[in-house]
């Protein structure tokens, strides 16, 4: 991914972190820039994407009220 971004002129760098430091920083939303995270969550599609789009989700920086309402239902 890093090489592809750089090949089209997007300045980027790789920051290597240990798991013990990465996950608390990710959970507390202290990481900036672009983060590539892949979910291995089980369940139906709604449950798998909830952490990425619904308010309070691990990967959510900002949410849309209409989407939050759909997940609450």
PDB file of N, CA and C in Angstrom:
ATOM      1  N   UNK A   1       0.820  -1.180   0.000  1.00  0.00           N
ATOM      2  CA  UNK A   1       0.000   0.000   0.000  1.00  0.00           C
ATOM      3  C   UNK A   1       0.869   1.250   0.000  1.00  0.00           C
ATOM      4  N   UNK A   2       1.892   1.256   0.815  1.00  0.00           N
ATOM      5  CA  UNK A   2       2.778   2.415   0.908  1.00  0.00           C
ATOM      6  C   UNK A   2       3.424   2.728  -0.439  1.00  0.00           C
ATOM      7  N   UNK A   3       3.920   1.708  -1.097  1.00  0.00           N
ATOM      8  CA  UNK A   3       4.549   1.899  -2.399  1.00  0.00           C
ATOM      9  C   UNK A   3       3.584   2.420  -3.446  1.00  0.00           C
ATOM     10  N   UNK A   4       2.353   1.966  -3.400  1.00  0.00           N
ATOM     11  CA  UNK A   4       1.358   2.437  -4.373  1.00  0.00           C
ATOM     12  C   UNK A   4       1.026   3.904  -4.154  1.00  0.00           C
ATOM     13  N   UNK A   5       0.887   4.315  -2.903  1.00  0.00           N
ATOM     14  CA  UNK A   5       0.618   5.725  -2.623  1.00  0.00           C
ATOM     15  C   UNK A   5       1.781   6.594  -3.089  1.00  0.00           C
ATOM     16  N   UNK A   6       2.993   6.163  -2.801  1.00  0.00           N
ATOM     17  CA  UNK A   6       4.168   6.933  -3.200  1.00  0.00           C
ATOM     18  C   UNK A   6       4.323   6.984  -4.715  1.00  0.00           C
ATOM     19  N   UNK A   7       3.931   5.930  -5.408  1.00  0.00           N
ATOM     20  CA  UNK A   7       4.081   5.904  -6.868  1.00  0.00           C
ATOM     21  C   UNK A   7       3.165   6.899  -7.571  1.00  0.00           C
ATOM     22  N   UNK A   8       2.094   7.313  -6.917  1.00  0.00           N
ATOM     23  CA  UNK A   8       1.200   8.312  -7.526  1.00  0.00           C
ATOM     24  C   UNK A   8       1.387   9.693  -6.899  1.00  0.00           C
ATOM     25  N   UNK A   9       2.472   9.851  -6.139  1.00  0.00           N
ATOM     26  CA  UNK A   9       2.830  11.171  -5.634  1.00  0.00           C
ATOM     27  C   UNK A   9       2.292  11.529  -4.261  1.00  0.00           C
ATOM     28  N   UNK A  10       1.746  10.580  -3.542  1.00  0.00           N
ATOM     29  CA  UNK A  10       1.252  10.852  -2.193  1.00  0.00           C
ATOM     30  C   UNK A  10       2.363  10.521  -1.205  1.00  0.00           C
ATOM     31  N   UNK A  11       2.845  11.551  -0.523  1.00  0.00           N
ATOM     32  CA  UNK A  11       3.906  11.326   0.454  1.00  0.00           C
ATOM     33  C   UNK A  11       3.356  10.492   1.599  1.00  0.00           C
ATOM     34  N   UNK A  12       4.053   9.465   1.945  1.00  0.00           N
ATOM     35  CA  UNK A  12       3.586   8.584   3.014  1.00  0.00           C
ATOM     36  C   UNK A  12       4.777   7.908   3.669  1.00  0.00           C
ATOM     37  N   UNK A  13       4.543   7.492   4.909  1.00  0.00           N
ATOM     38  CA  UNK A  13       5.588   6.767   5.622  1.00  0.00           C
ATOM     39  C   UNK A  13       4.928   5.682   6.451  1.00  0.00           C
ATOM     40  N   UNK A  14       5.690   4.678   6.759  1.00  0.00           N
ATOM     41  CA  UNK A  14       5.206   3.552   7.543  1.00  0.00           C
ATOM     42  C   UNK A  14       5.671   3.722   8.977  1.00  0.00           C
ATOM     43  N   UNK A  15       4.734   3.667   9.887  1.00  0.00           N
ATOM     44  CA  UNK A  15       5.069   3.754  11.310  1.00  0.00           C
ATOM     45  C   UNK A  15       4.842   2.379  11.921  1.00  0.00           C
ATOM     46  N   UNK A  16       5.904   1.768  12.377  1.00  0.00           N
ATOM     47  CA  UNK A  16       5.821   0.425  12.946  1.00  0.00           C
ATOM     48  C   UNK A  16       5.586   0.534  14.449  1.00  0.00           C
ATOM     49  N   UNK A  17       4.567  -0.174  14.933  1.00  0.00           N
ATOM     50  CA  UNK A  17       4.243  -0.177  16.360  1.00  0.00           C
ATOM     51  C   UNK A  17       4.010  -1.610  16.810  1.00  0.00           C
ATOM     52  N   UNK A  18       4.317  -1.875  18.057  1.00  0.00           N
ATOM     53  CA  UNK A  18       4.003  -3.184  18.618  1.00  0.00           C
ATOM     54  C   UNK A  18       2.512  -3.238  18.921  1.00  0.00           C
ATOM     55  N   UNK A  19       1.957  -4.446  18.921  1.00  0.00           N
ATOM     56  CA  UNK A  19       0.522  -4.622  19.169  1.00  0.00           C
ATOM     57  C   UNK A  19       0.096  -4.010  20.491  1.00  0.00           C
ATOM     58  N   UNK A  20       0.928  -4.153  21.516  1.00  0.00           N
ATOM     59  CA  UNK A  20       0.584  -3.648  22.845  1.00  0.00           C
ATOM     60  C   UNK A  20       0.430  -2.128  22.858  1.00  0.00           C
ATOM     61  N   UNK A  21       1.108  -1.435  21.971  1.00  0.00           N
ATOM     62  CA  UNK A  21       0.983   0.019  21.868  1.00  0.00           C
ATOM     63  C   UNK A  21      -0.070   0.420  20.840  1.00  0.00           C
ATOM     64  N   UNK A  22      -0.186  -0.368  19.770  1.00  0.00           N
ATOM     65  CA  UNK A  22      -1.086  -0.014  18.674  1.00  0.00           C
ATOM     66  C   UNK A  22      -2.559  -0.051  19.064  1.00  0.00           C
ATOM     67  N   UNK A  23      -3.016  -1.150  19.637  1.00  0.00           N
ATOM     68  CA  UNK A  23      -4.446  -1.290  19.891  1.00  0.00           C
ATOM     69  C   UNK A  23      -4.999  -0.277  20.889  1.00  0.00           C
ATOM     70  N   UNK A  24      -4.313   0.029  21.993  1.00  0.00           N
ATOM     71  CA  UNK A  24      -4.836   1.095  22.862  1.00  0.00           C
ATOM     72  C   UNK A  24      -4.853   2.460  22.167  1.00  0.00           C
ATOM     73  N   UNK A  25      -3.830   2.764  21.374  1.00  0.00           N
ATOM     74  CA  UNK A  25      -3.803   4.035  20.651  1.00  0.00           C
ATOM     75  C   UNK A  25      -4.916   4.097  19.617  1.00  0.00           C
ATOM     76  N   UNK A  26      -5.199   2.987  18.944  1.00  0.00           N
ATOM     77  CA  UNK A  26      -6.277   2.923  17.953  1.00  0.00           C
ATOM     78  C   UNK A  26      -7.624   3.082  18.646  1.00  0.00           C
ATOM     79  N   UNK A  27      -7.825   2.366  19.750  1.00  0.00           N
ATOM     80  CA  UNK A  27      -9.085   2.437  20.492  1.00  0.00           C
ATOM     81  C   UNK A  27      -9.351   3.852  21.007  1.00  0.00           C
ATOM     82  N   UNK A  28      -8.306   4.531  21.487  1.00  0.00           N
ATOM     83  CA  UNK A  28      -8.452   5.878  22.043  1.00  0.00           C
ATOM     84  C   UNK A  28      -8.399   6.964  20.977  1.00  0.00           C
ATOM     85  N   UNK A  29      -8.327   6.559  19.705  1.00  0.00           N
ATOM     86  CA  UNK A  29      -8.320   7.459  18.553  1.00  0.00           C
ATOM     87  C   UNK A  29      -7.174   8.476  18.615  1.00  0.00           C
ATOM     88  N   UNK A  30      -5.996   8.002  19.010  1.00  0.00           N
ATOM     89  CA  UNK A  30      -4.816   8.848  19.091  1.00  0.00           C
ATOM     90  C   UNK A  30      -3.957   8.769  17.838  1.00  0.00           C
ATOM     91  N   UNK A  31      -4.283   7.884  16.927  1.00  0.00           N
ATOM     92  CA  UNK A  31      -3.522   7.742  15.686  1.00  0.00           C
ATOM     93  C   UNK A  31      -4.099   8.685  14.646  1.00  0.00           C
ATOM     94  N   UNK A  32      -3.235   9.328  13.876  1.00  0.00           N
ATOM     95  CA  UNK A  32      -3.692  10.249  12.840  1.00  0.00           C
ATOM     96  C   UNK A  32      -3.260   9.739  11.472  1.00  0.00           C
ATOM     97  N   UNK A  33      -3.831  10.333  10.450  1.00  0.00           N
ATOM     98  CA  UNK A  33      -3.486   9.930   9.096  1.00  0.00           C
ATOM     99  C   UNK A  33      -4.324   8.753   8.641  1.00  0.00           C
ATOM    100  N   UNK A  34      -3.761   7.946   7.783  1.00  0.00           N
ATOM    101  CA  UNK A  34      -4.479   6.810   7.229  1.00  0.00           C
ATOM    102  C   UNK A  34      -4.060   5.534   7.944  1.00  0.00           C
ATOM    103  N   UNK A  35      -5.054   4.761   8.318  1.00  0.00           N
ATOM    104  CA  UNK A  35      -4.800   3.496   8.995  1.00  0.00           C
ATOM    105  C   UNK A  35      -5.523   2.410   8.213  1.00  0.00           C
ATOM    106  N   UNK A  36      -4.821   1.341   7.919  1.00  0.00           N
ATOM    107  CA  UNK A  36      -5.444   0.202   7.253  1.00  0.00           C
ATOM    108  C   UNK A  36      -5.700  -0.860   8.304  1.00  0.00           C
ATOM    109  N   UNK A  37      -6.965  -1.113   8.549  1.00  0.00           N
ATOM    110  CA  UNK A  37      -7.341  -2.142   9.512  1.00  0.00           C
ATOM    111  C   UNK A  37      -8.272  -3.132   8.846  1.00  0.00           C
ATOM    112  N   UNK A  38      -8.082  -4.386   9.110  1.00  0.00           N
ATOM    113  CA  UNK A  38      -8.906  -5.425   8.507  1.00  0.00           C
ATOM    114  C   UNK A  38      -9.611  -6.178   9.619  1.00  0.00           C
ATOM    115  N   UNK A  39     -10.920  -6.323   9.475  1.00  0.00           N
ATOM    116  CA  UNK A  39     -11.710  -6.991  10.506  1.00  0.00           C
ATOM    117  C   UNK A  39     -11.835  -8.482  10.220  1.00  0.00           C
ATOM    118  N   UNK A  40     -11.724  -9.259  11.265  1.00  0.00           N
ATOM    119  CA  UNK A  40     -11.951 -10.697  11.168  1.00  0.00           C
ATOM    120  C   UNK A  40     -13.190 -11.086  11.952  1.00  0.00           C
ATOM    121  N   UNK A  41     -14.086 -10.104  12.146  1.00  0.00           N
ATOM    122  CA  UNK A  41     -15.281 -10.336  12.953  1.00  0.00           C
ATOM    123  C   UNK A  41     -16.219 -11.335  12.286  1.00  0.00           C
ATOM    124  N   UNK A  42     -16.885 -12.114  13.117  1.00  0.00           N
ATOM    125  CA  UNK A  42     -17.860 -13.080  12.610  1.00  0.00           C
ATOM    126  C   UNK A  42     -19.254 -12.491  12.709  1.00  0.00           C
ATOM    127  N   UNK A  43     -20.181 -13.097  12.012  1.00  0.00           N
ATOM    128  CA  UNK A  43     -21.566 -12.660  12.071  1.00  0.00           C
ATOM    129  C   UNK A  43     -22.048 -12.166  10.728  1.00  0.00           C
ATOM    130  N   UNK A  44     -23.257 -11.593  10.738  1.00  0.00           N
ATOM    131  CA  UNK A  44     -23.820 -11.097   9.484  1.00  0.00           C
ATOM    132  C   UNK A  44     -23.154  -9.772   9.096  1.00  0.00           C
ATOM    133  N   UNK A  45     -23.478  -9.278   7.927  1.00  0.00           N
ATOM    134  CA  UNK A  45     -22.821  -8.080   7.403  1.00  0.00           C
ATOM    135  C   UNK A  45     -23.023  -6.871   8.305  1.00  0.00           C
ATOM    136  N   UNK A  46     -24.216  -6.718   8.857  1.00  0.00           N
ATOM    137  CA  UNK A  46     -24.490  -5.571   9.723  1.00  0.00           C
ATOM    138  C   UNK A  46     -23.582  -5.581  10.947  1.00  0.00           C
ATOM    139  N   UNK A  47     -23.397  -6.718  11.549  1.00  0.00           N
ATOM    140  CA  UNK A  47     -22.533  -6.819  12.737  1.00  0.00           C
ATOM    141  C   UNK A  47     -21.066  -6.584  12.385  1.00  0.00           C
ATOM    142  N   UNK A  48     -20.661  -7.027  11.213  1.00  0.00           N
ATOM    143  CA  UNK A  48     -19.254  -6.875  10.827  1.00  0.00           C
ATOM    144  C   UNK A  48     -18.891  -5.423  10.552  1.00  0.00           C
ATOM    145  N   UNK A  49     -19.825  -4.641   9.998  1.00  0.00           N
ATOM    146  CA  UNK A  49     -19.488  -3.249   9.682  1.00  0.00           C
ATOM    147  C   UNK A  49     -19.866  -2.274  10.789  1.00  0.00           C
ATOM    148  N   UNK A  50     -20.577  -2.740  11.806  1.00  0.00           N
ATOM    149  CA  UNK A  50     -21.012  -1.839  12.879  1.00  0.00           C
ATOM    150  C   UNK A  50     -19.832  -1.127  13.545  1.00  0.00           C
ATOM    151  N   UNK A  51     -18.744  -1.822  13.780  1.00  0.00           N
ATOM    152  CA  UNK A  51     -17.571  -1.217  14.427  1.00  0.00           C
ATOM    153  C   UNK A  51     -16.933  -0.131  13.567  1.00  0.00           C
ATOM    154  N   UNK A  52     -17.237  -0.128  12.269  1.00  0.00           N
ATOM    155  CA  UNK A  52     -16.625   0.844  11.367  1.00  0.00           C
ATOM    156  C   UNK A  52     -17.502   2.044  11.068  1.00  0.00           C
ATOM    157  N   UNK A  53     -18.821   1.949  11.305  1.00  0.00           N
ATOM    158  CA  UNK A  53     -19.701   3.044  10.886  1.00  0.00           C
ATOM    159  C   UNK A  53     -20.628   3.584  11.966  1.00  0.00           C
ATOM    160  N   UNK A  54     -20.933   2.824  12.999  1.00  0.00           N
ATOM    161  CA  UNK A  54     -21.905   3.262  14.007  1.00  0.00           C
ATOM    162  C   UNK A  54     -21.219   4.010  15.145  1.00  0.00           C
ATOM    163  N   UNK A  55     -21.923   4.976  15.706  1.00  0.00           N
ATOM    164  CA  UNK A  55     -21.394   5.785  16.805  1.00  0.00           C
ATOM    165  C   UNK A  55     -20.884   4.891  17.935  1.00  0.00           C
ATOM    166  N   UNK A  56     -19.686   5.198  18.413  1.00  0.00           N
ATOM    167  CA  UNK A  56     -19.094   4.408  19.480  1.00  0.00           C
ATOM    168  C   UNK A  56     -18.282   3.223  18.993  1.00  0.00           C
ATOM    169  N   UNK A  57     -18.298   2.973  17.688  1.00  0.00           N
ATOM    170  CA  UNK A  57     -17.525   1.865  17.137  1.00  0.00           C
ATOM    171  C   UNK A  57     -16.031   2.111  17.256  1.00  0.00           C
ATOM    172  N   UNK A  58     -15.277   1.049  17.308  1.00  0.00           N
ATOM    173  CA  UNK A  58     -13.827   1.136  17.497  1.00  0.00           C
ATOM    174  C   UNK A  58     -13.152   1.978  16.415  1.00  0.00           C
ATOM    175  N   UNK A  59     -13.640   1.889  15.189  1.00  0.00           N
ATOM    176  CA  UNK A  59     -12.989   2.564  14.066  1.00  0.00           C
ATOM    177  C   UNK A  59     -13.631   3.890  13.682  1.00  0.00           C
ATOM    178  N   UNK A  60     -14.608   4.357  14.440  1.00  0.00           N
ATOM    179  CA  UNK A  60     -15.395   5.522  14.046  1.00  0.00           C
ATOM    180  C   UNK A  60     -14.821   6.801  14.641  1.00  0.00           C
ATOM    181  N   UNK A  61     -14.489   7.768  13.779  1.00  0.00           N
ATOM    182  CA  UNK A  61     -14.039   9.075  14.239  1.00  0.00           C
ATOM    183  C   UNK A  61     -15.214  10.047  14.263  1.00  0.00           C
ATOM    184  N   UNK A  62     -16.141   9.906  13.338  1.00  0.00           N
ATOM    185  CA  UNK A  62     -17.327  10.750  13.245  1.00  0.00           C
ATOM    186  C   UNK A  62     -18.441   9.883  12.688  1.00  0.00           C
ATOM    187  N   UNK A  63     -19.670  10.165  13.072  1.00  0.00           N
ATOM    188  CA  UNK A  63     -20.762   9.312  12.602  1.00  0.00           C
ATOM    189  C   UNK A  63     -21.900  10.151  12.041  1.00  0.00           C
ATOM    190  N   UNK A  64     -22.789   9.498  11.318  1.00  0.00           N
ATOM    191  CA  UNK A  64     -23.958  10.123  10.715  1.00  0.00           C
ATOM    192  C   UNK A  64     -25.179   9.688  11.523  1.00  0.00           C
ATOM    193  N   UNK A  65     -25.972  10.631  12.042  1.00  0.00           N
ATOM    194  CA  UNK A  65     -27.118  10.269  12.886  1.00  0.00           C
ATOM    195  C   UNK A  65     -28.084   9.274  12.237  1.00  0.00           C
ATOM    196  N   UNK A  66     -28.308   9.388  10.941  1.00  0.00           N
ATOM    197  CA  UNK A  66     -29.232   8.480  10.262  1.00  0.00           C
ATOM    198  C   UNK A  66     -28.721   7.037  10.299  1.00  0.00           C
ATOM    199  N   UNK A  67     -27.424   6.872  10.125  1.00  0.00           N
ATOM    200  CA  UNK A  67     -26.835   5.529  10.166  1.00  0.00           C
ATOM    201  C   UNK A  67     -26.878   4.981  11.585  1.00  0.00           C
ATOM    202  N   UNK A  68     -26.587   5.833  12.568  1.00  0.00           N
ATOM    203  CA  UNK A  68     -26.660   5.404  13.966  1.00  0.00           C
ATOM    204  C   UNK A  68     -28.068   4.923  14.309  1.00  0.00           C
ATOM    205  N   UNK A  69     -29.073   5.637  13.813  1.00  0.00           N
ATOM    206  CA  UNK A  69     -30.468   5.257  14.063  1.00  0.00           C
ATOM    207  C   UNK A  69     -30.784   3.890  13.464  1.00  0.00           C
ATOM    208  N   UNK A  70     -30.293   3.624  12.263  1.00  0.00           N
ATOM    209  CA  UNK A  70     -30.532   2.323  11.635  1.00  0.00           C
ATOM    210  C   UNK A  70     -29.919   1.192  12.454  1.00  0.00           C
ATOM    211  N   UNK A  71     -28.736   1.403  12.992  1.00  0.00           N
ATOM    212  CA  UNK A  71     -28.101   0.356  13.791  1.00  0.00           C
ATOM    213  C   UNK A  71     -28.802   0.155  15.125  1.00  0.00           C
ATOM    214  N   UNK A  72     -29.381   1.212  15.694  1.00  0.00           N
ATOM    215  CA  UNK A  72     -30.109   1.064  16.954  1.00  0.00           C
ATOM    216  C   UNK A  72     -31.381   0.252  16.769  1.00  0.00           C
ATOM    217  N   UNK A  73     -31.972   0.347  15.582  1.00  0.00           N
ATOM    218  CA  UNK A  73     -33.188  -0.436  15.310  1.00  0.00           C
ATOM    219  C   UNK A  73     -32.809  -1.870  15.113  1.00  0.00           C
TER     220      UNK A  73
END
